[in-house]
């Protein structure tokens, strides 16, 4: 069965649970709205960049590795408390 990235996310959108460091889910509706909006935006930007790269002749595997490598370099921001 071949499921596209977008259709998979759309069918599982309601299952998204954003967990805090303590394992508890984020419950603030405003935070959940912002998290979902950000997640949708990230997915669209990454999908567009991936598709553009492949259409310009970049190997899909090379682009996937580049995207994964970028994610793995993200640092946790300092939270002042």
PDB file of N, CA and C in Angstrom:
ATOM      1  N   UNK A   1       0.841  -1.178   0.000  1.00  0.00           N
ATOM      2  CA  UNK A   1       0.000   0.000   0.000  1.00  0.00           C
ATOM      3  C   UNK A   1       0.882   1.235   0.000  1.00  0.00           C
ATOM      4  N   UNK A   2       0.665   2.132  -0.925  1.00  0.00           N
ATOM      5  CA  UNK A   2       1.467   3.334  -1.039  1.00  0.00           C
ATOM      6  C   UNK A   2       0.678   4.511  -0.473  1.00  0.00           C
ATOM      7  N   UNK A   3       1.173   5.102   0.626  1.00  0.00           N
ATOM      8  CA  UNK A   3       0.496   6.220   1.262  1.00  0.00           C
ATOM      9  C   UNK A   3       1.395   7.435   1.154  1.00  0.00           C
ATOM     10  N   UNK A   4       0.872   8.517   0.607  1.00  0.00           N
ATOM     11  CA  UNK A   4       1.681   9.728   0.482  1.00  0.00           C
ATOM     12  C   UNK A   4       1.905  10.342   1.849  1.00  0.00           C
ATOM     13  N   UNK A   5       2.950  11.182   1.932  1.00  0.00           N
ATOM     14  CA  UNK A   5       3.250  11.862   3.193  1.00  0.00           C
ATOM     15  C   UNK A   5       2.058  12.695   3.645  1.00  0.00           C
ATOM     16  N   UNK A   6       1.453  13.445   2.734  1.00  0.00           N
ATOM     17  CA  UNK A   6       0.361  14.337   3.101  1.00  0.00           C
ATOM     18  C   UNK A   6      -0.878  13.571   3.543  1.00  0.00           C
ATOM     19  N   UNK A   7      -1.250  12.517   2.825  1.00  0.00           N
ATOM     20  CA  UNK A   7      -2.454  11.789   3.206  1.00  0.00           C
ATOM     21  C   UNK A   7      -2.250  11.063   4.531  1.00  0.00           C
ATOM     22  N   UNK A   8      -1.047  10.582   4.803  1.00  0.00           N
ATOM     23  CA  UNK A   8      -0.773   9.929   6.080  1.00  0.00           C
ATOM     24  C   UNK A   8      -0.966  10.929   7.215  1.00  0.00           C
ATOM     25  N   UNK A   9      -0.380  12.129   7.067  1.00  0.00           N
ATOM     26  CA  UNK A   9      -0.496  13.120   8.125  1.00  0.00           C
ATOM     27  C   UNK A   9      -1.952  13.540   8.311  1.00  0.00           C
ATOM     28  N   UNK A  10      -2.658  13.774   7.220  1.00  0.00           N
ATOM     29  CA  UNK A  10      -4.045  14.210   7.327  1.00  0.00           C
ATOM     30  C   UNK A  10      -4.884  13.182   8.065  1.00  0.00           C
ATOM     31  N   UNK A  11      -4.657  11.901   7.804  1.00  0.00           N
ATOM     32  CA  UNK A  11      -5.475  10.876   8.443  1.00  0.00           C
ATOM     33  C   UNK A  11      -5.082  10.640   9.899  1.00  0.00           C
ATOM     34  N   UNK A  12      -3.909  11.131  10.318  1.00  0.00           N
ATOM     35  CA  UNK A  12      -3.438  10.916  11.684  1.00  0.00           C
ATOM     36  C   UNK A  12      -3.287  12.227  12.459  1.00  0.00           C
ATOM     37  N   UNK A  13      -3.783  13.330  11.901  1.00  0.00           N
ATOM     38  CA  UNK A  13      -3.613  14.642  12.532  1.00  0.00           C
ATOM     39  C   UNK A  13      -4.186  14.668  13.947  1.00  0.00           C
ATOM     40  N   UNK A  14      -5.345  14.062  14.156  1.00  0.00           N
ATOM     41  CA  UNK A  14      -5.983  14.106  15.461  1.00  0.00           C
ATOM     42  C   UNK A  14      -5.231  13.289  16.506  1.00  0.00           C
ATOM     43  N   UNK A  15      -4.285  12.474  16.099  1.00  0.00           N
ATOM     44  CA  UNK A  15      -3.541  11.641  17.034  1.00  0.00           C
ATOM     45  C   UNK A  15      -2.294  12.329  17.577  1.00  0.00           C
ATOM     46  N   UNK A  16      -1.992  13.547  17.095  1.00  0.00           N
ATOM     47  CA  UNK A  16      -0.791  14.239  17.527  1.00  0.00           C
ATOM     48  C   UNK A  16      -0.891  14.600  18.995  1.00  0.00           C
ATOM     49  N   UNK A  17       0.094  14.142  19.762  1.00  0.00           N
ATOM     50  CA  UNK A  17       0.195  14.495  21.167  1.00  0.00           C
ATOM     51  C   UNK A  17       1.574  15.103  21.348  1.00  0.00           C
ATOM     52  N   UNK A  18       1.606  16.310  21.874  1.00  0.00           N
ATOM     53  CA  UNK A  18       2.870  17.010  22.110  1.00  0.00           C
ATOM     54  C   UNK A  18       3.244  16.791  23.572  1.00  0.00           C
ATOM     55  N   UNK A  19       4.334  16.051  23.799  1.00  0.00           N
ATOM     56  CA  UNK A  19       4.739  15.717  25.165  1.00  0.00           C
ATOM     57  C   UNK A  19       5.770  16.701  25.702  1.00  0.00           C
ATOM     58  N   UNK A  20       5.643  17.005  26.985  1.00  0.00           N
ATOM     59  CA  UNK A  20       6.616  17.827  27.682  1.00  0.00           C
ATOM     60  C   UNK A  20       7.753  16.932  28.174  1.00  0.00           C
ATOM     61  N   UNK A  21       8.818  17.555  28.690  1.00  0.00           N
ATOM     62  CA  UNK A  21       9.953  16.783  29.215  1.00  0.00           C
ATOM     63  C   UNK A  21       9.536  15.812  30.318  1.00  0.00           C
ATOM     64  N   UNK A  22       8.496  16.162  31.065  1.00  0.00           N
ATOM     65  CA  UNK A  22       8.053  15.292  32.158  1.00  0.00           C
ATOM     66  C   UNK A  22       7.120  14.171  31.691  1.00  0.00           C
ATOM     67  N   UNK A  23       6.898  14.088  30.357  1.00  0.00           N
ATOM     68  CA  UNK A  23       6.057  13.028  29.803  1.00  0.00           C
ATOM     69  C   UNK A  23       4.580  13.374  29.732  1.00  0.00           C
ATOM     70  N   UNK A  24       4.204  14.488  30.322  1.00  0.00           N
ATOM     71  CA  UNK A  24       2.807  14.910  30.296  1.00  0.00           C
ATOM     72  C   UNK A  24       2.505  15.646  28.983  1.00  0.00           C
ATOM     73  N   UNK A  25       1.307  15.478  28.447  1.00  0.00           N
ATOM     74  CA  UNK A  25       0.962  16.176  27.208  1.00  0.00           C
ATOM     75  C   UNK A  25       0.734  17.667  27.452  1.00  0.00           C
ATOM     76  N   UNK A  26       1.080  18.461  26.455  1.00  0.00           N
ATOM     77  CA  UNK A  26       0.753  19.882  26.492  1.00  0.00           C
ATOM     78  C   UNK A  26      -0.764  19.979  26.411  1.00  0.00           C
ATOM     79  N   UNK A  27      -1.370  20.766  27.289  1.00  0.00           N
ATOM     80  CA  UNK A  27      -2.833  20.845  27.310  1.00  0.00           C
ATOM     81  C   UNK A  27      -3.364  22.236  26.976  1.00  0.00           C
ATOM     82  N   UNK A  28      -2.529  23.257  27.016  1.00  0.00           N
ATOM     83  CA  UNK A  28      -2.966  24.618  26.711  1.00  0.00           C
ATOM     84  C   UNK A  28      -3.394  24.696  25.242  1.00  0.00           C
ATOM     85  N   UNK A  29      -4.645  25.084  25.014  1.00  0.00           N
ATOM     86  CA  UNK A  29      -5.193  25.114  23.653  1.00  0.00           C
ATOM     87  C   UNK A  29      -4.432  26.072  22.737  1.00  0.00           C
ATOM     88  N   UNK A  30      -4.002  27.208  23.265  1.00  0.00           N
ATOM     89  CA  UNK A  30      -3.241  28.173  22.450  1.00  0.00           C
ATOM     90  C   UNK A  30      -1.895  27.577  22.036  1.00  0.00           C
ATOM     91  N   UNK A  31      -1.217  26.919  22.962  1.00  0.00           N
ATOM     92  CA  UNK A  31       0.049  26.267  22.638  1.00  0.00           C
ATOM     93  C   UNK A  31      -0.169  25.167  21.605  1.00  0.00           C
ATOM     94  N   UNK A  32      -1.229  24.386  21.775  1.00  0.00           N
ATOM     95  CA  UNK A  32      -1.526  23.312  20.823  1.00  0.00           C
ATOM     96  C   UNK A  32      -1.819  23.864  19.438  1.00  0.00           C
ATOM     97  N   UNK A  33      -2.523  24.984  19.375  1.00  0.00           N
ATOM     98  CA  UNK A  33      -2.820  25.624  18.084  1.00  0.00           C
ATOM     99  C   UNK A  33      -1.526  26.072  17.401  1.00  0.00           C
ATOM    100  N   UNK A  34      -0.636  26.705  18.163  1.00  0.00           N
ATOM    101  CA  UNK A  34       0.633  27.180  17.601  1.00  0.00           C
ATOM    102  C   UNK A  34       1.506  26.006  17.179  1.00  0.00           C
ATOM    103  N   UNK A  35       1.580  24.971  18.018  1.00  0.00           N
ATOM    104  CA  UNK A  35       2.375  23.783  17.669  1.00  0.00           C
ATOM    105  C   UNK A  35       1.878  23.155  16.377  1.00  0.00           C
ATOM    106  N   UNK A  36       0.561  23.021  16.227  1.00  0.00           N
ATOM    107  CA  UNK A  36       0.000  22.413  15.023  1.00  0.00           C
ATOM    108  C   UNK A  36       0.256  23.286  13.797  1.00  0.00           C
ATOM    109  N   UNK A  37       0.081  24.597  13.937  1.00  0.00           N
ATOM    110  CA  UNK A  37       0.367  25.501  12.818  1.00  0.00           C
ATOM    111  C   UNK A  37       1.837  25.417  12.407  1.00  0.00           C
ATOM    112  N   UNK A  38       2.734  25.436  13.393  1.00  0.00           N
ATOM    113  CA  UNK A  38       4.163  25.330  13.100  1.00  0.00           C
ATOM    114  C   UNK A  38       4.492  24.005  12.415  1.00  0.00           C
ATOM    115  N   UNK A  39       3.900  22.926  12.922  1.00  0.00           N
ATOM    116  CA  UNK A  39       4.165  21.604  12.358  1.00  0.00           C
ATOM    117  C   UNK A  39       3.702  21.522  10.907  1.00  0.00           C
ATOM    118  N   UNK A  40       2.522  22.063  10.621  1.00  0.00           N
ATOM    119  CA  UNK A  40       2.027  22.071   9.245  1.00  0.00           C
ATOM    120  C   UNK A  40       2.937  22.893   8.341  1.00  0.00           C
ATOM    121  N   UNK A  41       3.414  24.031   8.845  1.00  0.00           N
ATOM    122  CA  UNK A  41       4.303  24.888   8.067  1.00  0.00           C
ATOM    123  C   UNK A  41       5.644  24.193   7.792  1.00  0.00           C
ATOM    124  N   UNK A  42       6.208  23.568   8.811  1.00  0.00           N
ATOM    125  CA  UNK A  42       7.478  22.840   8.639  1.00  0.00           C
ATOM    126  C   UNK A  42       7.308  21.732   7.604  1.00  0.00           C
ATOM    127  N   UNK A  43       6.222  20.976   7.710  1.00  0.00           N
ATOM    128  CA  UNK A  43       5.994  19.890   6.761  1.00  0.00           C
ATOM    129  C   UNK A  43       5.911  20.410   5.328  1.00  0.00           C
ATOM    130  N   UNK A  44       5.221  21.521   5.140  1.00  0.00           N
ATOM    131  CA  UNK A  44       5.067  22.072   3.798  1.00  0.00           C
ATOM    132  C   UNK A  44       6.407  22.564   3.248  1.00  0.00           C
ATOM    133  N   UNK A  45       7.176  23.264   4.072  1.00  0.00           N
ATOM    134  CA  UNK A  45       8.465  23.794   3.628  1.00  0.00           C
ATOM    135  C   UNK A  45       9.431  22.654   3.293  1.00  0.00           C
ATOM    136  N   UNK A  46       9.494  21.651   4.167  1.00  0.00           N
ATOM    137  CA  UNK A  46      10.405  20.519   3.933  1.00  0.00           C
ATOM    138  C   UNK A  46       9.978  19.743   2.687  1.00  0.00           C
ATOM    139  N   UNK A  47       8.679  19.520   2.528  1.00  0.00           N
ATOM    140  CA  UNK A  47       8.181  18.822   1.342  1.00  0.00           C
ATOM    141  C   UNK A  47       8.515  19.591   0.076  1.00  0.00           C
ATOM    142  N   UNK A  48       8.309  20.906   0.099  1.00  0.00           N
ATOM    143  CA  UNK A  48       8.622  21.732  -1.072  1.00  0.00           C
ATOM    144  C   UNK A  48      10.117  21.684  -1.400  1.00  0.00           C
ATOM    145  N   UNK A  49      10.962  21.809  -0.376  1.00  0.00           N
ATOM    146  CA  UNK A  49      12.405  21.781  -0.595  1.00  0.00           C
ATOM    147  C   UNK A  49      12.852  20.426  -1.135  1.00  0.00           C
ATOM    148  N   UNK A  50      12.292  19.357  -0.572  1.00  0.00           N
ATOM    149  CA  UNK A  50      12.626  18.006  -1.024  1.00  0.00           C
ATOM    150  C   UNK A  50      12.204  17.812  -2.486  1.00  0.00           C
ATOM    151  N   UNK A  51      10.959  18.168  -2.783  1.00  0.00           N
ATOM    152  CA  UNK A  51      10.459  18.009  -4.147  1.00  0.00           C
ATOM    153  C   UNK A  51      11.280  18.830  -5.138  1.00  0.00           C
ATOM    154  N   UNK A  52      11.591  20.098  -4.783  1.00  0.00           N
ATOM    155  CA  UNK A  52      12.410  20.941  -5.661  1.00  0.00           C
ATOM    156  C   UNK A  52      13.763  20.302  -5.933  1.00  0.00           C
ATOM    157  N   UNK A  53      14.411  19.813  -4.882  1.00  0.00           N
ATOM    158  CA  UNK A  53      15.737  19.211  -5.041  1.00  0.00           C
ATOM    159  C   UNK A  53      15.679  18.007  -5.970  1.00  0.00           C
ATOM    160  N   UNK A  54      14.707  17.138  -5.756  1.00  0.00           N
ATOM    161  CA  UNK A  54      14.591  15.936  -6.592  1.00  0.00           C
ATOM    162  C   UNK A  54      14.279  16.319  -8.035  1.00  0.00           C
ATOM    163  N   UNK A  55      13.383  17.298  -8.225  1.00  0.00           N
ATOM    164  CA  UNK A  55      13.056  17.742  -9.583  1.00  0.00           C
ATOM    165  C   UNK A  55      14.249  18.390 -10.287  1.00  0.00           C
ATOM    166  N   UNK A  56      15.204  18.916  -9.508  1.00  0.00           N
ATOM    167  CA  UNK A  56      16.413  19.513 -10.091  1.00  0.00           C
ATOM    168  C   UNK A  56      17.538  18.493 -10.246  1.00  0.00           C
ATOM    169  N   UNK A  57      17.229  17.218  -9.951  1.00  0.00           N
ATOM    170  CA  UNK A  57      18.192  16.164 -10.207  1.00  0.00           C
ATOM    171  C   UNK A  57      18.960  15.647  -9.012  1.00  0.00           C
ATOM    172  N   UNK A  58      18.682  16.176  -7.817  1.00  0.00           N
ATOM    173  CA  UNK A  58      19.353  15.684  -6.620  1.00  0.00           C
ATOM    174  C   UNK A  58      18.766  14.319  -6.264  1.00  0.00           C
ATOM    175  N   UNK A  59      19.617  13.409  -5.870  1.00  0.00           N
ATOM    176  CA  UNK A  59      19.166  12.098  -5.423  1.00  0.00           C
ATOM    177  C   UNK A  59      18.239  12.254  -4.224  1.00  0.00           C
ATOM    178  N   UNK A  60      17.106  11.540  -4.235  1.00  0.00           N
ATOM    179  CA  UNK A  60      16.171  11.594  -3.118  1.00  0.00           C
ATOM    180  C   UNK A  60      16.859  11.162  -1.823  1.00  0.00           C
ATOM    181  N   UNK A  61      17.689  10.134  -1.900  1.00  0.00           N
ATOM    182  CA  UNK A  61      18.384   9.645  -0.703  1.00  0.00           C
ATOM    183  C   UNK A  61      19.362  10.688  -0.165  1.00  0.00           C
ATOM    184  N   UNK A  62      20.037  11.402  -1.069  1.00  0.00           N
ATOM    185  CA  UNK A  62      20.974  12.445  -0.642  1.00  0.00           C
ATOM    186  C   UNK A  62      20.224  13.574   0.058  1.00  0.00           C
ATOM    187  N   UNK A  63      19.094  13.977  -0.511  1.00  0.00           N
ATOM    188  CA  UNK A  63      18.321  15.058   0.095  1.00  0.00           C
ATOM    189  C   UNK A  63      17.746  14.630   1.433  1.00  0.00           C
ATOM    190  N   UNK A  64      17.249  13.398   1.530  1.00  0.00           N
ATOM    191  CA  UNK A  64      16.735  12.905   2.808  1.00  0.00           C
ATOM    192  C   UNK A  64      17.828  12.924   3.867  1.00  0.00           C
ATOM    193  N   UNK A  65      19.024  12.478   3.503  1.00  0.00           N
ATOM    194  CA  UNK A  65      20.145  12.477   4.457  1.00  0.00           C
ATOM    195  C   UNK A  65      20.484  13.893   4.890  1.00  0.00           C
ATOM    196  N   UNK A  66      20.487  14.816   3.948  1.00  0.00           N
ATOM    197  CA  UNK A  66      20.793  16.212   4.271  1.00  0.00           C
ATOM    198  C   UNK A  66      19.749  16.771   5.252  1.00  0.00           C
ATOM    199  N   UNK A  67      18.495  16.466   5.028  1.00  0.00           N
ATOM    200  CA  UNK A  67      17.442  16.943   5.925  1.00  0.00           C
ATOM    201  C   UNK A  67      17.570  16.313   7.315  1.00  0.00           C
ATOM    202  N   UNK A  68      17.819  15.011   7.364  1.00  0.00           N
ATOM    203  CA  UNK A  68      17.986  14.329   8.655  1.00  0.00           C
ATOM    204  C   UNK A  68      19.204  14.887   9.388  1.00  0.00           C
ATOM    205  N   UNK A  69      20.314  15.074   8.668  1.00  0.00           N
ATOM    206  CA  UNK A  69      21.519  15.627   9.292  1.00  0.00           C
ATOM    207  C   UNK A  69      21.248  17.007   9.887  1.00  0.00           C
ATOM    208  N   UNK A  70      20.468  17.818   9.181  1.00  0.00           N
ATOM    209  CA  UNK A  70      20.119  19.141   9.703  1.00  0.00           C
ATOM    210  C   UNK A  70      19.327  19.008  11.002  1.00  0.00           C
ATOM    211  N   UNK A  71      18.321  18.153  11.010  1.00  0.00           N
ATOM    212  CA  UNK A  71      17.493  17.964  12.212  1.00  0.00           C
ATOM    213  C   UNK A  71      18.358  17.523  13.390  1.00  0.00           C
ATOM    214  N   UNK A  72      19.308  16.641  13.120  1.00  0.00           N
ATOM    215  CA  UNK A  72      20.158  16.138  14.202  1.00  0.00           C
ATOM    216  C   UNK A  72      21.099  17.190  14.757  1.00  0.00           C
ATOM    217  N   UNK A  73      21.299  18.303  14.061  1.00  0.00           N
ATOM    218  CA  UNK A  73      22.172  19.372  14.561  1.00  0.00           C
ATOM    219  C   UNK A  73      21.409  20.418  15.390  1.00  0.00           C
ATOM    220  N   UNK A  74      20.083  20.322  15.431  1.00  0.00           N
ATOM    221  CA  UNK A  74      19.306  21.308  16.187  1.00  0.00           C
ATOM    222  C   UNK A  74      19.662  21.231  17.669  1.00  0.00           C
ATOM    223  N   UNK A  75      19.818  22.393  18.270  1.00  0.00           N
ATOM    224  CA  UNK A  75      20.145  22.483  19.688  1.00  0.00           C
ATOM    225  C   UNK A  75      18.918  22.935  20.461  1.00  0.00           C
ATOM    226  N   UNK A  76      18.769  22.440  21.657  1.00  0.00           N
ATOM    227  CA  UNK A  76      17.668  22.844  22.523  1.00  0.00           C
ATOM    228  C   UNK A  76      17.917  24.272  22.981  1.00  0.00           C
ATOM    229  N   UNK A  77      16.925  25.155  22.790  1.00  0.00           N
ATOM    230  CA  UNK A  77      17.117  26.537  23.240  1.00  0.00           C
ATOM    231  C   UNK A  77      17.146  26.608  24.774  1.00  0.00           C
ATOM    232  N   UNK A  78      17.896  27.571  25.267  1.00  0.00           N
ATOM    233  CA  UNK A  78      17.921  27.765  26.722  1.00  0.00           C
ATOM    234  C   UNK A  78      16.603  28.393  27.140  1.00  0.00           C
ATOM    235  N   UNK A  79      15.999  27.801  28.143  1.00  0.00           N
ATOM    236  CA  UNK A  79      14.740  28.315  28.666  1.00  0.00           C
ATOM    237  C   UNK A  79      15.035  28.957  30.010  1.00  0.00           C
ATOM    238  N   UNK A  80      14.765  30.260  30.084  1.00  0.00           N
ATOM    239  CA  UNK A  80      14.993  30.960  31.348  1.00  0.00           C
ATOM    240  C   UNK A  80      13.785  30.767  32.245  1.00  0.00           C
ATOM    241  N   UNK A  81      14.032  30.396  33.469  1.00  0.00           N
ATOM    242  CA  UNK A  81      12.915  30.119  34.355  1.00  0.00           C
ATOM    243  C   UNK A  81      12.983  30.755  35.667  1.00  0.00           C
TER     244      UNK A  81
END
